Protein backbone atom coordinates (compact mmCIF):
# COMPACT_ATOMS: atom_id res chain seq x y z
CA MET A 1 -0.52 8.19 9.41
CA LYS A 2 -1.30 8.71 5.48
CA THR A 3 -2.47 12.40 7.21
CA LEU A 4 0.51 13.37 8.13
CA ALA A 5 2.85 14.43 5.02
CA ILE A 6 0.23 16.43 3.57
CA ALA A 7 -0.69 18.30 7.19
CA THR A 8 2.83 18.92 8.33
CA LEU A 9 3.25 20.63 4.54
CA LEU A 10 0.13 22.61 4.72
CA ALA A 11 1.33 23.61 8.73
CA LEU A 12 5.13 23.97 7.52
CA GLY A 13 3.74 26.59 4.42
CA CYS A 14 1.22 28.18 7.47
CA ILE A 15 3.58 29.21 10.06
CA THR A 16 6.85 29.43 8.72
CA ALA A 17 5.41 32.89 6.84
CA ARG A 18 5.40 34.06 10.87
CA ALA A 19 8.37 32.43 12.61
CA GLN A 20 10.71 33.68 13.96
CA ASN A 21 14.00 31.91 15.61
CA ILE A 22 14.22 29.28 13.27
CA ARG A 23 17.45 26.84 13.95
CA THR A 24 18.42 23.85 11.46
CA PHE A 25 19.67 20.96 12.81
CA ASN A 26 21.30 17.46 10.62
CA ASN A 27 20.26 14.31 12.72
CA LEU A 28 21.80 10.89 13.00
CA GLU A 29 19.17 8.46 14.89
CA LEU A 30 19.54 4.74 15.91
CA ALA A 31 16.74 3.02 16.81
CA THR A 32 15.21 -1.08 17.07
CA SER A 33 11.76 -1.53 17.25
CA PHE A 34 10.17 -5.68 18.67
CA SER A 35 7.57 -6.97 19.00
CA LYS A 36 5.96 -10.95 18.96
CA ASN A 37 5.97 -11.49 15.29
CA THR A 38 8.66 -8.75 14.22
CA HIS A 39 12.38 -6.80 14.90
CA GLN A 40 13.59 -4.07 13.59
CA TYR A 41 16.60 -1.75 13.35
CA SER A 42 16.96 1.45 11.61
CA LEU A 43 19.26 4.23 10.88
CA PHE A 44 17.89 7.79 10.06
CA TRP A 45 20.30 10.20 8.39
CA GLY A 46 18.74 14.16 7.63
CA GLU A 47 17.03 17.67 8.52
CA SER A 48 15.18 19.12 11.73
CA LEU A 49 13.88 22.45 11.21
CA GLN A 50 12.83 24.47 14.14
CA ILE A 51 10.24 27.08 14.71
CA LYS A 52 9.95 28.31 18.35
CA SER A 53 7.33 30.89 17.81
CA PRO A 54 4.22 31.00 17.03
CA VAL A 55 3.94 27.31 17.60
CA PRO A 56 7.35 25.74 19.22
CA PHE A 57 7.53 22.08 16.71
CA ARG A 58 10.54 21.04 14.94
CA PHE A 59 9.37 19.41 11.29
CA THR A 60 12.13 16.17 9.80
CA THR A 61 13.01 14.92 6.38
CA GLY A 62 15.68 12.48 5.78
CA LEU A 63 16.57 8.66 4.48
CA ARG A 64 15.83 5.70 6.59
CA LEU A 65 17.72 2.56 6.67
CA ALA A 66 16.01 -0.66 8.43
CA MET A 67 16.55 -3.90 8.86
CA ASN A 68 13.38 -5.60 8.87
CA ASP A 69 12.54 -9.59 10.09
CA LYS A 70 9.45 -11.45 10.99
CA THR A 71 9.58 -14.41 13.78
CA LYS A 72 8.96 -18.28 12.16
CA GLY A 73 4.89 -18.86 12.41
CA ILE A 74 1.71 -18.34 10.87
CA TYR A 75 0.39 -15.55 10.03
CA PRO A 76 -3.24 -14.98 9.61
CA VAL A 77 -3.63 -12.52 6.23
CA LYS A 78 -6.59 -9.61 6.69
CA GLU A 79 -4.77 -7.02 3.67
CA GLY A 80 -4.29 -8.82 0.55
CA ALA A 81 -5.79 -11.33 -2.63
CA GLY A 82 -4.70 -15.03 -2.78
CA PHE A 83 -4.07 -15.51 0.73
CA THR A 84 -5.85 -16.40 4.07
CA THR A 85 -2.45 -17.01 6.06
CA LEU A 86 1.19 -16.61 5.30
CA GLN A 87 3.74 -19.63 7.25
CA PHE A 88 7.75 -19.14 7.86
CA ASP A 89 9.68 -21.98 9.19
CA LYS A 90 12.65 -19.44 8.77
CA LYS A 91 12.75 -15.81 9.61
CA PRO A 92 12.42 -13.83 6.75
CA ILE A 93 14.91 -10.71 6.47
CA TYR A 94 14.74 -7.52 4.53
CA THR A 95 16.34 -4.17 4.10
CA THR A 96 14.26 -0.85 3.02
CA VAL A 97 15.84 2.30 2.53
CA ALA A 98 12.80 5.25 2.99
CA PHE A 99 12.52 9.14 2.86
CA PRO A 100 9.93 9.72 5.68
CA VAL A 101 8.32 12.96 6.78
CA GLY A 102 8.40 13.87 10.86
CA LEU A 103 6.85 16.61 12.63
CA GLU A 104 7.28 17.13 16.41
CA LEU A 105 6.01 19.54 18.92
CA PHE A 106 8.20 20.70 21.88
CA TYR A 107 8.39 22.36 25.27
CA LYS A 108 11.68 22.42 26.98
CA ALA A 109 13.72 19.80 26.64
CA LEU A 110 10.28 17.80 25.83
CA SER A 111 8.40 16.20 22.62
CA ILE A 112 6.01 14.65 21.46
CA GLY A 113 6.15 13.95 17.81
CA ALA A 114 5.26 11.84 14.50
CA PHE A 115 6.61 10.31 11.39
CA GLN A 116 5.78 8.63 8.49
CA GLU A 117 7.54 6.90 5.29
CA LEU A 118 6.22 8.26 2.38
CA ILE A 119 8.25 6.00 0.02
CA SER A 120 10.54 3.00 0.15
CA PHE A 121 12.62 1.06 -1.78
CA SER A 122 13.80 -2.76 -1.12
CA GLY A 123 15.87 -5.37 -2.79
CA LYS A 124 12.75 -7.68 -3.80
CA LYS A 125 14.14 -10.14 -1.60
CA LYS A 126 12.89 -13.96 -2.69
CA TYR A 127 12.24 -16.60 -0.65
CA ASP A 128 12.13 -20.37 -1.75
CA ASP A 129 10.42 -23.31 0.16
CA ALA A 130 12.90 -23.45 2.92
CA TYR A 131 11.27 -20.24 4.21
CA THR A 132 7.35 -20.70 3.50
CA PRO A 133 5.55 -23.73 1.78
CA LEU A 134 5.67 -23.56 -2.48
CA ILE A 135 4.76 -25.59 -5.11
CA GLU A 136 6.91 -26.22 -8.17
CA LYS A 137 8.03 -23.23 -9.66
CA GLU A 138 6.38 -20.03 -6.89
CA MET A 139 8.32 -17.97 -5.39
CA LEU A 140 7.65 -15.56 -2.56
CA ARG A 141 9.62 -12.02 -3.13
CA THR A 142 9.02 -8.83 -0.76
CA GLN A 143 7.02 -5.58 -2.42
CA GLY A 144 9.92 -3.74 -4.15
CA PHE A 145 8.60 -0.28 -4.57
CA SER A 146 6.10 1.30 -1.59
CA GLY A 147 3.98 4.19 -2.10
CA ILE A 148 2.18 4.56 1.29
CA PHE A 149 -1.03 5.32 -0.64
CA GLY A 150 -0.61 1.93 -2.31
CA LYS A 151 -2.18 -1.45 -1.60
CA LYS A 152 1.11 -2.87 -1.11
CA THR A 153 3.51 -1.50 1.56
CA ASN A 154 6.93 -1.92 3.60
CA LEU A 155 6.42 1.56 5.05
CA THR A 156 6.67 1.77 9.07
CA GLY A 157 5.58 5.37 10.76
CA GLY A 158 4.91 6.48 14.76
CA VAL A 159 4.51 8.18 17.25
CA TYR A 160 7.10 8.92 20.57
CA LEU A 161 8.32 10.82 23.37
CA ALA A 162 11.36 12.41 23.49
CA TYR A 163 14.06 13.86 25.76
CA THR A 164 16.17 16.33 24.48
CA PHE A 165 19.90 16.51 26.67
CA SER A 166 20.96 19.73 26.20
CA ASP A 167 20.33 20.71 22.73
CA SER A 168 22.61 17.75 21.25
CA PHE A 169 21.36 14.67 22.54
CA SER A 170 18.00 13.19 22.38
CA VAL A 171 16.57 9.73 23.98
CA LYS A 172 12.84 7.87 22.22
CA ALA A 173 10.76 5.34 23.36
CA GLY A 174 7.09 5.36 21.43
CA TYR A 175 5.24 2.95 19.16
CA ASN A 176 5.72 1.90 15.84
CA ARG A 177 3.39 0.60 12.94
CA ILE A 178 5.30 -1.84 10.12
CA THR A 179 4.14 -2.98 7.77
CA SER A 180 5.71 -5.82 5.31
CA THR A 181 4.43 -6.68 1.90
CA PHE A 182 4.67 -10.70 0.37
CA THR A 183 3.70 -11.53 -2.99
CA LYS A 184 3.81 -14.88 -4.27
CA THR A 185 4.74 -15.24 -7.91
CA ASN A 186 5.24 -17.60 -10.50
CA GLU A 187 7.15 -18.22 -13.88
CA THR A 188 4.52 -15.75 -15.59
CA LYS A 189 2.42 -14.44 -13.19
CA GLU A 190 1.56 -12.41 -9.78
CA LEU A 191 -0.48 -15.46 -8.13
CA GLY A 192 -1.47 -12.67 -4.65
CA TYR A 193 0.40 -10.82 -1.93
CA ALA A 194 -0.05 -10.38 1.48
CA ARG A 195 0.52 -7.44 3.88
CA LEU A 196 1.70 -8.12 7.51
CA SER A 197 1.05 -4.87 9.76
CA ASP A 198 2.42 -4.96 13.15
CA ASP A 199 2.40 -2.63 16.26
CA THR A 200 6.34 -2.72 17.67
CA PHE A 201 7.83 -0.65 20.55
CA THR A 202 10.65 1.52 20.01
CA VAL A 203 13.41 2.70 21.47
CA GLY A 204 16.36 4.84 20.16
CA ILE A 205 19.11 8.01 20.47
CA ARG A 206 19.55 11.10 18.31
CA LEU A 207 22.68 13.24 17.89
CA ASN A 208 20.99 16.73 17.12
CA ILE A 209 23.77 18.36 15.57
CA GLU A 210 23.27 22.88 14.40
CA LYS A 211 24.03 24.16 10.93
């Protein structure tokens, strides 16, 4: 997914110079992603550039707002430092605002696509010992800023299939990988971080408004 942005921009630059039949759309998308451990509800507003020749594709970008939560339980930490497991006694809920890019290849009403958030921002929400076991003066919080090449990320990317009814309405289904990073701090320093990744099933609806 990390190479998607670079590949997309290169493809856009090479193909646009020769392309014909260019159309632009505003997109409004509502989607939900879910698995045993992670749930996400998202709203996307952006623009897509559709080119039918020589390769039919759509390039999309915009802003994506997501509300995320993880279920209660113990999570083994495979990516991070200072953690072997992370335990939640209550659901941690946090929101992100992200800048994604996407590429969609289509034939008539069917399309296959992929997207990846490049950067995201969250409110550095704090969790006390009501959410997770902590000692005095420790605090767990979400990562505030995420970049695609960083180690501490709250980013979502995915692949999907879509079916478009006329030109104005599409339904989508696929898989998203959601990463969630939690850092532990005390009053003076960071004590460690845990990045949890989860593959989720996603469904959504999209309105396509031609400009």
